[in-house]
């Protein structure tokens, strides 16, 4: 158990950050999964709509510092390719 004020505060901060990052990680996975699921179902309209939402949300996670800009760009690019491959 921590005895110093600073370590007690650090423990509190770590718990807060861990909870926030867990929320972002889950959100990120679910966003990507929704696009992949729609693309695999060959539903172009649903895939495009899910991609539009995913693109915005992924870039929002970049602004929060959860993922890097290049990681977001790579994910969005691959999801876009997946959506565009669906035959209309």
PDB file of N, CA and C in Angstrom:
ATOM      1  N   UNK A   1       0.835  -1.182   0.000  1.00  0.00           N
ATOM      2  CA  UNK A   1       0.000   0.000   0.000  1.00  0.00           C
ATOM      3  C   UNK A   1       0.879   1.244   0.000  1.00  0.00           C
ATOM      4  N   UNK A   2       0.511   2.229  -0.789  1.00  0.00           N
ATOM      5  CA  UNK A   2       1.289   3.456  -0.893  1.00  0.00           C
ATOM      6  C   UNK A   2       1.112   4.311   0.359  1.00  0.00           C
ATOM      7  N   UNK A   3       2.181   4.989   0.735  1.00  0.00           N
ATOM      8  CA  UNK A   3       2.145   5.829   1.926  1.00  0.00           C
ATOM      9  C   UNK A   3       2.314   7.310   1.604  1.00  0.00           C
ATOM     10  N   UNK A   4       2.916   7.614   0.464  1.00  0.00           N
ATOM     11  CA  UNK A   4       3.157   9.016   0.102  1.00  0.00           C
ATOM     12  C   UNK A   4       1.951   9.578  -0.644  1.00  0.00           C
ATOM     13  N   UNK A   5       1.736  10.870  -0.443  1.00  0.00           N
ATOM     14  CA  UNK A   5       0.613  11.526  -1.113  1.00  0.00           C
ATOM     15  C   UNK A   5       0.734  11.412  -2.627  1.00  0.00           C
ATOM     16  N   UNK A   6       1.954  11.586  -3.121  1.00  0.00           N
ATOM     17  CA  UNK A   6       2.164  11.571  -4.576  1.00  0.00           C
ATOM     18  C   UNK A   6       1.878  10.193  -5.169  1.00  0.00           C
ATOM     19  N   UNK A   7       2.245   9.130  -4.466  1.00  0.00           N
ATOM     20  CA  UNK A   7       1.982   7.793  -4.999  1.00  0.00           C
ATOM     21  C   UNK A   7       0.500   7.450  -4.924  1.00  0.00           C
ATOM     22  N   UNK A   8      -0.177   7.944  -3.896  1.00  0.00           N
ATOM     23  CA  UNK A   8      -1.623   7.731  -3.797  1.00  0.00           C
ATOM     24  C   UNK A   8      -2.324   8.417  -4.963  1.00  0.00           C
ATOM     25  N   UNK A   9      -1.877   9.630  -5.272  1.00  0.00           N
ATOM     26  CA  UNK A   9      -2.455  10.372  -6.398  1.00  0.00           C
ATOM     27  C   UNK A   9      -2.161   9.649  -7.712  1.00  0.00           C
ATOM     28  N   UNK A  10      -0.937   9.143  -7.855  1.00  0.00           N
ATOM     29  CA  UNK A  10      -0.567   8.424  -9.078  1.00  0.00           C
ATOM     30  C   UNK A  10      -1.433   7.188  -9.272  1.00  0.00           C
ATOM     31  N   UNK A  11      -1.744   6.493  -8.210  1.00  0.00           N
ATOM     32  CA  UNK A  11      -2.606   5.317  -8.293  1.00  0.00           C
ATOM     33  C   UNK A  11      -3.992   5.718  -8.775  1.00  0.00           C
ATOM     34  N   UNK A  12      -4.517   6.815  -8.222  1.00  0.00           N
ATOM     35  CA  UNK A  12      -5.825   7.332  -8.660  1.00  0.00           C
ATOM     36  C   UNK A  12      -5.803   7.686 -10.141  1.00  0.00           C
ATOM     37  N   UNK A  13      -4.741   8.370 -10.567  1.00  0.00           N
ATOM     38  CA  UNK A  13      -4.631   8.775 -11.969  1.00  0.00           C
ATOM     39  C   UNK A  13      -4.549   7.563 -12.893  1.00  0.00           C
ATOM     40  N   UNK A  14      -3.807   6.553 -12.481  1.00  0.00           N
ATOM     41  CA  UNK A  14      -3.657   5.347 -13.284  1.00  0.00           C
ATOM     42  C   UNK A  14      -4.993   4.637 -13.449  1.00  0.00           C
ATOM     43  N   UNK A  15      -5.769   4.558 -12.371  1.00  0.00           N
ATOM     44  CA  UNK A  15      -7.082   3.914 -12.449  1.00  0.00           C
ATOM     45  C   UNK A  15      -8.006   4.659 -13.410  1.00  0.00           C
ATOM     46  N   UNK A  16      -7.956   5.991 -13.347  1.00  0.00           N
ATOM     47  CA  UNK A  16      -8.786   6.810 -14.236  1.00  0.00           C
ATOM     48  C   UNK A  16      -8.388   6.598 -15.684  1.00  0.00           C
ATOM     49  N   UNK A  17      -7.084   6.641 -15.958  1.00  0.00           N
ATOM     50  CA  UNK A  17      -6.587   6.463 -17.328  1.00  0.00           C
ATOM     51  C   UNK A  17      -6.896   5.067 -17.855  1.00  0.00           C
ATOM     52  N   UNK A  18      -6.754   4.063 -16.985  1.00  0.00           N
ATOM     53  CA  UNK A  18      -7.026   2.689 -17.400  1.00  0.00           C
ATOM     54  C   UNK A  18      -8.480   2.522 -17.808  1.00  0.00           C
ATOM     55  N   UNK A  19      -9.377   3.100 -17.027  1.00  0.00           N
ATOM     56  CA  UNK A  19     -10.808   3.012 -17.351  1.00  0.00           C
ATOM     57  C   UNK A  19     -11.104   3.724 -18.666  1.00  0.00           C
ATOM     58  N   UNK A  20     -10.523   4.897 -18.861  1.00  0.00           N
ATOM     59  CA  UNK A  20     -10.736   5.665 -20.087  1.00  0.00           C
ATOM     60  C   UNK A  20     -10.190   4.910 -21.296  1.00  0.00           C
ATOM     61  N   UNK A  21      -8.992   4.368 -21.180  1.00  0.00           N
ATOM     62  CA  UNK A  21      -8.391   3.647 -22.301  1.00  0.00           C
ATOM     63  C   UNK A  21      -9.151   2.366 -22.621  1.00  0.00           C
ATOM     64  N   UNK A  22      -9.691   1.708 -21.603  1.00  0.00           N
ATOM     65  CA  UNK A  22     -10.483   0.499 -21.836  1.00  0.00           C
ATOM     66  C   UNK A  22     -11.733   0.857 -22.648  1.00  0.00           C
ATOM     67  N   UNK A  23     -12.356   1.972 -22.298  1.00  0.00           N
ATOM     68  CA  UNK A  23     -13.536   2.436 -23.035  1.00  0.00           C
ATOM     69  C   UNK A  23     -13.167   2.725 -24.490  1.00  0.00           C
ATOM     70  N   UNK A  24     -12.072   3.452 -24.710  1.00  0.00           N
ATOM     71  CA  UNK A  24     -11.652   3.792 -26.072  1.00  0.00           C
ATOM     72  C   UNK A  24     -11.284   2.544 -26.872  1.00  0.00           C
ATOM     73  N   UNK A  25     -10.590   1.599 -26.234  1.00  0.00           N
ATOM     74  CA  UNK A  25     -10.166   0.377 -26.923  1.00  0.00           C
ATOM     75  C   UNK A  25     -11.377  -0.431 -27.380  1.00  0.00           C
ATOM     76  N   UNK A  26     -12.355  -0.565 -26.493  1.00  0.00           N
ATOM     77  CA  UNK A  26     -13.571  -1.300 -26.829  1.00  0.00           C
ATOM     78  C   UNK A  26     -14.323  -0.594 -27.953  1.00  0.00           C
ATOM     79  N   UNK A  27     -14.449   0.721 -27.836  1.00  0.00           N
ATOM     80  CA  UNK A  27     -15.144   1.522 -28.841  1.00  0.00           C
ATOM     81  C   UNK A  27     -14.471   1.362 -30.207  1.00  0.00           C
ATOM     82  N   UNK A  28     -13.150   1.441 -30.219  1.00  0.00           N
ATOM     83  CA  UNK A  28     -12.374   1.323 -31.453  1.00  0.00           C
ATOM     84  C   UNK A  28     -12.609  -0.032 -32.123  1.00  0.00           C
ATOM     85  N   UNK A  29     -12.544  -1.107 -31.332  1.00  0.00           N
ATOM     86  CA  UNK A  29     -12.757  -2.449 -31.879  1.00  0.00           C
ATOM     87  C   UNK A  29     -14.169  -2.613 -32.433  1.00  0.00           C
ATOM     88  N   UNK A  30     -15.163  -2.096 -31.712  1.00  0.00           N
ATOM     89  CA  UNK A  30     -16.549  -2.222 -32.156  1.00  0.00           C
ATOM     90  C   UNK A  30     -16.822  -1.427 -33.424  1.00  0.00           C
ATOM     91  N   UNK A  31     -16.212  -0.262 -33.546  1.00  0.00           N
ATOM     92  CA  UNK A  31     -16.378   0.570 -34.738  1.00  0.00           C
ATOM     93  C   UNK A  31     -15.834  -0.169 -35.961  1.00  0.00           C
ATOM     94  N   UNK A  32     -14.632  -0.697 -35.825  1.00  0.00           N
ATOM     95  CA  UNK A  32     -13.997  -1.418 -36.937  1.00  0.00           C
ATOM     96  C   UNK A  32     -14.798  -2.678 -37.275  1.00  0.00           C
ATOM     97  N   UNK A  33     -15.251  -3.384 -36.242  1.00  0.00           N
ATOM     98  CA  UNK A  33     -16.002  -4.617 -36.456  1.00  0.00           C
ATOM     99  C   UNK A  33     -17.315  -4.374 -37.195  1.00  0.00           C
ATOM    100  N   UNK A  34     -17.966  -3.234 -36.916  1.00  0.00           N
ATOM    101  CA  UNK A  34     -19.232  -2.939 -37.584  1.00  0.00           C
ATOM    102  C   UNK A  34     -19.041  -2.772 -39.088  1.00  0.00           C
ATOM    103  N   UNK A  35     -17.934  -2.145 -39.488  1.00  0.00           N
ATOM    104  CA  UNK A  35     -17.657  -1.977 -40.919  1.00  0.00           C
ATOM    105  C   UNK A  35     -17.322  -3.326 -41.544  1.00  0.00           C
ATOM    106  N   UNK A  36     -16.491  -4.107 -40.885  1.00  0.00           N
ATOM    107  CA  UNK A  36     -16.083  -5.408 -41.408  1.00  0.00           C
ATOM    108  C   UNK A  36     -17.297  -6.329 -41.556  1.00  0.00           C
ATOM    109  N   UNK A  37     -18.169  -6.338 -40.566  1.00  0.00           N
ATOM    110  CA  UNK A  37     -19.365  -7.183 -40.611  1.00  0.00           C
ATOM    111  C   UNK A  37     -20.261  -6.806 -41.780  1.00  0.00           C
ATOM    112  N   UNK A  38     -20.478  -5.507 -41.968  1.00  0.00           N
ATOM    113  CA  UNK A  38     -21.318  -5.043 -43.077  1.00  0.00           C
ATOM    114  C   UNK A  38     -20.670  -5.366 -44.421  1.00  0.00           C
ATOM    115  N   UNK A  39     -19.360  -5.253 -44.500  1.00  0.00           N
ATOM    116  CA  UNK A  39     -18.652  -5.547 -45.749  1.00  0.00           C
ATOM    117  C   UNK A  39     -18.714  -7.045 -46.070  1.00  0.00           C
ATOM    118  N   UNK A  40     -18.562  -7.885 -45.057  1.00  0.00           N
ATOM    119  CA  UNK A  40     -18.614  -9.331 -45.278  1.00  0.00           C
ATOM    120  C   UNK A  40     -20.017  -9.793 -45.654  1.00  0.00           C
ATOM    121  N   UNK A  41     -21.015  -9.045 -45.221  1.00  0.00           N
ATOM    122  CA  UNK A  41     -22.399  -9.377 -45.562  1.00  0.00           C
ATOM    123  C   UNK A  41     -22.769  -8.867 -46.954  1.00  0.00           C
ATOM    124  N   UNK A  42     -21.808  -8.235 -47.632  1.00  0.00           N
ATOM    125  CA  UNK A  42     -22.008  -7.697 -48.989  1.00  0.00           C
ATOM    126  C   UNK A  42     -23.135  -6.650 -49.036  1.00  0.00           C
ATOM    127  N   UNK A  43     -23.348  -5.947 -47.942  1.00  0.00           N
ATOM    128  CA  UNK A  43     -24.368  -4.903 -47.878  1.00  0.00           C
ATOM    129  C   UNK A  43     -23.671  -3.551 -48.057  1.00  0.00           C
ATOM    130  N   UNK A  44     -23.648  -3.083 -49.299  1.00  0.00           N
ATOM    131  CA  UNK A  44     -22.876  -1.878 -49.623  1.00  0.00           C
ATOM    132  C   UNK A  44     -23.396  -0.642 -48.900  1.00  0.00           C
ATOM    133  N   UNK A  45     -24.701  -0.463 -48.857  1.00  0.00           N
ATOM    134  CA  UNK A  45     -25.269   0.728 -48.211  1.00  0.00           C
ATOM    135  C   UNK A  45     -24.938   0.763 -46.719  1.00  0.00           C
ATOM    136  N   UNK A  46     -25.111  -0.367 -46.059  1.00  0.00           N
ATOM    137  CA  UNK A  46     -24.806  -0.437 -44.624  1.00  0.00           C
ATOM    138  C   UNK A  46     -23.313  -0.271 -44.374  1.00  0.00           C
ATOM    139  N   UNK A  47     -22.502  -0.840 -45.248  1.00  0.00           N
ATOM    140  CA  UNK A  47     -21.047  -0.734 -45.102  1.00  0.00           C
ATOM    141  C   UNK A  47     -20.588   0.705 -45.274  1.00  0.00           C
ATOM    142  N   UNK A  48     -21.158   1.404 -46.257  1.00  0.00           N
ATOM    143  CA  UNK A  48     -20.790   2.802 -46.472  1.00  0.00           C
ATOM    144  C   UNK A  48     -21.201   3.670 -45.287  1.00  0.00           C
ATOM    145  N   UNK A  49     -22.376   3.416 -44.764  1.00  0.00           N
ATOM    146  CA  UNK A  49     -22.851   4.183 -43.607  1.00  0.00           C
ATOM    147  C   UNK A  49     -21.980   3.903 -42.383  1.00  0.00           C
ATOM    148  N   UNK A  50     -21.651   2.634 -42.164  1.00  0.00           N
ATOM    149  CA  UNK A  50     -20.787   2.267 -41.037  1.00  0.00           C
ATOM    150  C   UNK A  50     -19.398   2.856 -41.213  1.00  0.00           C
ATOM    151  N   UNK A  51     -18.911   2.892 -42.449  1.00  0.00           N
ATOM    152  CA  UNK A  51     -17.586   3.461 -42.711  1.00  0.00           C
ATOM    153  C   UNK A  51     -17.568   4.954 -42.430  1.00  0.00           C
ATOM    154  N   UNK A  52     -18.639   5.633 -42.803  1.00  0.00           N
ATOM    155  CA  UNK A  52     -18.719   7.081 -42.565  1.00  0.00           C
ATOM    156  C   UNK A  52     -18.622   7.386 -41.065  1.00  0.00           C
ATOM    157  N   UNK A  53     -19.350   6.599 -40.274  1.00  0.00           N
ATOM    158  CA  UNK A  53     -19.319   6.766 -38.818  1.00  0.00           C
ATOM    159  C   UNK A  53     -17.930   6.404 -38.284  1.00  0.00           C
ATOM    160  N   UNK A  54     -17.370   5.304 -38.788  1.00  0.00           N
ATOM    161  CA  UNK A  54     -16.067   4.830 -38.327  1.00  0.00           C
ATOM    162  C   UNK A  54     -14.970   5.844 -38.617  1.00  0.00           C
ATOM    163  N   UNK A  55     -15.000   6.429 -39.791  1.00  0.00           N
ATOM    164  CA  UNK A  55     -13.984   7.405 -40.178  1.00  0.00           C
ATOM    165  C   UNK A  55     -13.966   8.568 -39.191  1.00  0.00           C
ATOM    166  N   UNK A  56     -15.128   9.087 -38.883  1.00  0.00           N
ATOM    167  CA  UNK A  56     -15.231  10.214 -37.957  1.00  0.00           C
ATOM    168  C   UNK A  56     -14.762   9.820 -36.552  1.00  0.00           C
ATOM    169  N   UNK A  57     -15.217   8.678 -36.079  1.00  0.00           N
ATOM    170  CA  UNK A  57     -14.878   8.242 -34.730  1.00  0.00           C
ATOM    171  C   UNK A  57     -13.387   7.910 -34.585  1.00  0.00           C
ATOM    172  N   UNK A  58     -12.814   7.285 -35.598  1.00  0.00           N
ATOM    173  CA  UNK A  58     -11.390   6.939 -35.537  1.00  0.00           C
ATOM    174  C   UNK A  58     -10.546   8.201 -35.464  1.00  0.00           C
ATOM    175  N   UNK A  59     -10.894   9.198 -36.254  1.00  0.00           N
ATOM    176  CA  UNK A  59     -10.131  10.445 -36.210  1.00  0.00           C
ATOM    177  C   UNK A  59     -10.357  11.214 -34.901  1.00  0.00           C
ATOM    178  N   UNK A  60     -11.505  11.010 -34.291  1.00  0.00           N
ATOM    179  CA  UNK A  60     -11.751  11.613 -32.985  1.00  0.00           C
ATOM    180  C   UNK A  60     -10.831  10.975 -31.938  1.00  0.00           C
ATOM    181  N   UNK A  61     -10.597   9.664 -32.067  1.00  0.00           N
ATOM    182  CA  UNK A  61      -9.691   8.979 -31.143  1.00  0.00           C
ATOM    183  C   UNK A  61      -8.255   9.476 -31.313  1.00  0.00           C
ATOM    184  N   UNK A  62      -7.901   9.901 -32.529  1.00  0.00           N
ATOM    185  CA  UNK A  62      -6.571  10.470 -32.762  1.00  0.00           C
ATOM    186  C   UNK A  62      -6.441  11.777 -31.989  1.00  0.00           C
ATOM    187  N   UNK A  63      -7.477  12.610 -32.048  1.00  0.00           N
ATOM    188  CA  UNK A  63      -7.411  13.900 -31.366  1.00  0.00           C
ATOM    189  C   UNK A  63      -7.344  13.739 -29.846  1.00  0.00           C
ATOM    190  N   UNK A  64      -7.858  12.621 -29.342  1.00  0.00           N
ATOM    191  CA  UNK A  64      -7.792  12.352 -27.906  1.00  0.00           C
ATOM    192  C   UNK A  64      -6.456  11.723 -27.516  1.00  0.00           C
ATOM    193  N   UNK A  65      -5.642  11.365 -28.504  1.00  0.00           N
ATOM    194  CA  UNK A  65      -4.328  10.793 -28.221  1.00  0.00           C
ATOM    195  C   UNK A  65      -4.355   9.303 -27.970  1.00  0.00           C
ATOM    196  N   UNK A  66      -5.466   8.651 -28.304  1.00  0.00           N
ATOM    197  CA  UNK A  66      -5.563   7.208 -28.061  1.00  0.00           C
ATOM    198  C   UNK A  66      -4.756   6.418 -29.089  1.00  0.00           C
ATOM    199  N   UNK A  67      -4.840   6.811 -30.356  1.00  0.00           N
ATOM    200  CA  UNK A  67      -4.044   6.160 -31.396  1.00  0.00           C
ATOM    201  C   UNK A  67      -3.293   7.223 -32.183  1.00  0.00           C
ATOM    202  N   UNK A  68      -2.251   6.799 -32.880  1.00  0.00           N
ATOM    203  CA  UNK A  68      -1.461   7.729 -33.678  1.00  0.00           C
ATOM    204  C   UNK A  68      -2.152   8.021 -35.001  1.00  0.00           C
ATOM    205  N   UNK A  69      -1.761   9.136 -35.576  1.00  0.00           N
ATOM    206  CA  UNK A  69      -2.354   9.590 -36.832  1.00  0.00           C
ATOM    207  C   UNK A  69      -2.146   8.572 -37.953  1.00  0.00           C
ATOM    208  N   UNK A  70      -0.960   8.008 -38.019  1.00  0.00           N
ATOM    209  CA  UNK A  70      -0.652   7.054 -39.088  1.00  0.00           C
ATOM    210  C   UNK A  70      -1.430   5.750 -38.913  1.00  0.00           C
ATOM    211  N   UNK A  71      -1.636   5.338 -37.676  1.00  0.00           N
ATOM    212  CA  UNK A  71      -2.417   4.127 -37.407  1.00  0.00           C
ATOM    213  C   UNK A  71      -3.851   4.328 -37.860  1.00  0.00           C
ATOM    214  N   UNK A  72      -4.389   5.493 -37.553  1.00  0.00           N
ATOM    215  CA  UNK A  72      -5.760   5.810 -37.958  1.00  0.00           C
ATOM    216  C   UNK A  72      -5.867   5.839 -39.477  1.00  0.00           C
ATOM    217  N   UNK A  73      -4.894   6.451 -40.135  1.00  0.00           N
ATOM    218  CA  UNK A  73      -4.910   6.542 -41.591  1.00  0.00           C
ATOM    219  C   UNK A  73      -4.864   5.153 -42.221  1.00  0.00           C
ATOM    220  N   UNK A  74      -4.044   4.270 -41.657  1.00  0.00           N
ATOM    221  CA  UNK A  74      -3.936   2.910 -42.171  1.00  0.00           C
ATOM    222  C   UNK A  74      -5.250   2.147 -41.998  1.00  0.00           C
ATOM    223  N   UNK A  75      -5.859   2.254 -40.812  1.00  0.00           N
ATOM    224  CA  UNK A  75      -7.125   1.573 -40.551  1.00  0.00           C
ATOM    225  C   UNK A  75      -8.215   2.065 -41.493  1.00  0.00           C
ATOM    226  N   UNK A  76      -8.325   3.397 -41.616  1.00  0.00           N
ATOM    227  CA  UNK A  76      -9.357   3.985 -42.463  1.00  0.00           C
ATOM    228  C   UNK A  76      -9.141   3.566 -43.913  1.00  0.00           C
ATOM    229  N   UNK A  77      -7.901   3.562 -44.352  1.00  0.00           N
ATOM    230  CA  UNK A  77      -7.587   3.183 -45.727  1.00  0.00           C
ATOM    231  C   UNK A  77      -7.992   1.738 -46.008  1.00  0.00           C
ATOM    232  N   UNK A  78      -7.677   0.844 -45.097  1.00  0.00           N
ATOM    233  CA  UNK A  78      -8.005  -0.570 -45.294  1.00  0.00           C
ATOM    234  C   UNK A  78      -9.514  -0.810 -45.239  1.00  0.00           C
ATOM    235  N   UNK A  79     -10.186  -0.096 -44.342  1.00  0.00           N
ATOM    236  CA  UNK A  79     -11.644  -0.230 -44.280  1.00  0.00           C
ATOM    237  C   UNK A  79     -12.282   0.303 -45.561  1.00  0.00           C
ATOM    238  N   UNK A  80     -11.743   1.405 -46.074  1.00  0.00           N
ATOM    239  CA  UNK A  80     -12.263   1.993 -47.309  1.00  0.00           C
ATOM    240  C   UNK A  80     -12.096   1.030 -48.477  1.00  0.00           C
ATOM    241  N   UNK A  81     -10.945   0.384 -48.562  1.00  0.00           N
ATOM    242  CA  UNK A  81     -10.724  -0.614 -49.616  1.00  0.00           C
ATOM    243  C   UNK A  81     -11.724  -1.759 -49.505  1.00  0.00           C
ATOM    244  N   UNK A  82     -11.976  -2.177 -48.271  1.00  0.00           N
ATOM    245  CA  UNK A  82     -12.911  -3.268 -48.033  1.00  0.00           C
ATOM    246  C   UNK A  82     -14.327  -2.894 -48.499  1.00  0.00           C
ATOM    247  N   UNK A  83     -14.730  -1.671 -48.201  1.00  0.00           N
ATOM    248  CA  UNK A  83     -16.063  -1.200 -48.582  1.00  0.00           C
ATOM    249  C   UNK A  83     -16.153  -1.049 -50.102  1.00  0.00           C
ATOM    250  N   UNK A  84     -15.097  -0.535 -50.714  1.00  0.00           N
ATOM    251  CA  UNK A  84     -15.119  -0.310 -52.164  1.00  0.00           C
ATOM    252  C   UNK A  84     -15.081  -1.598 -52.976  1.00  0.00           C
ATOM    253  N   UNK A  85     -14.612  -2.695 -52.386  1.00  0.00           N
ATOM    254  CA  UNK A  85     -14.553  -3.965 -53.092  1.00  0.00           C
ATOM    255  C   UNK A  85     -15.924  -4.621 -53.249  1.00  0.00           C
ATOM    256  N   UNK A  86     -16.888  -4.169 -52.456  1.00  0.00           N
ATOM    257  CA  UNK A  86     -18.236  -4.763 -52.503  1.00  0.00           C
ATOM    258  C   UNK A  86     -18.867  -4.437 -53.853  1.00  0.00           C
ATOM    259  N   UNK A  87     -19.341  -5.479 -54.529  1.00  0.00           N
ATOM    260  CA  UNK A  87     -20.011  -5.278 -55.812  1.00  0.00           C
ATOM    261  C   UNK A  87     -21.409  -4.732 -55.558  1.00  0.00           C
ATOM    262  N   UNK A  88     -21.770  -3.724 -56.326  1.00  0.00           N
ATOM    263  CA  UNK A  88     -23.072  -3.076 -56.106  1.00  0.00           C
ATOM    264  C   UNK A  88     -24.230  -3.866 -56.591  1.00  0.00           C
TER     265      UNK A  88
END
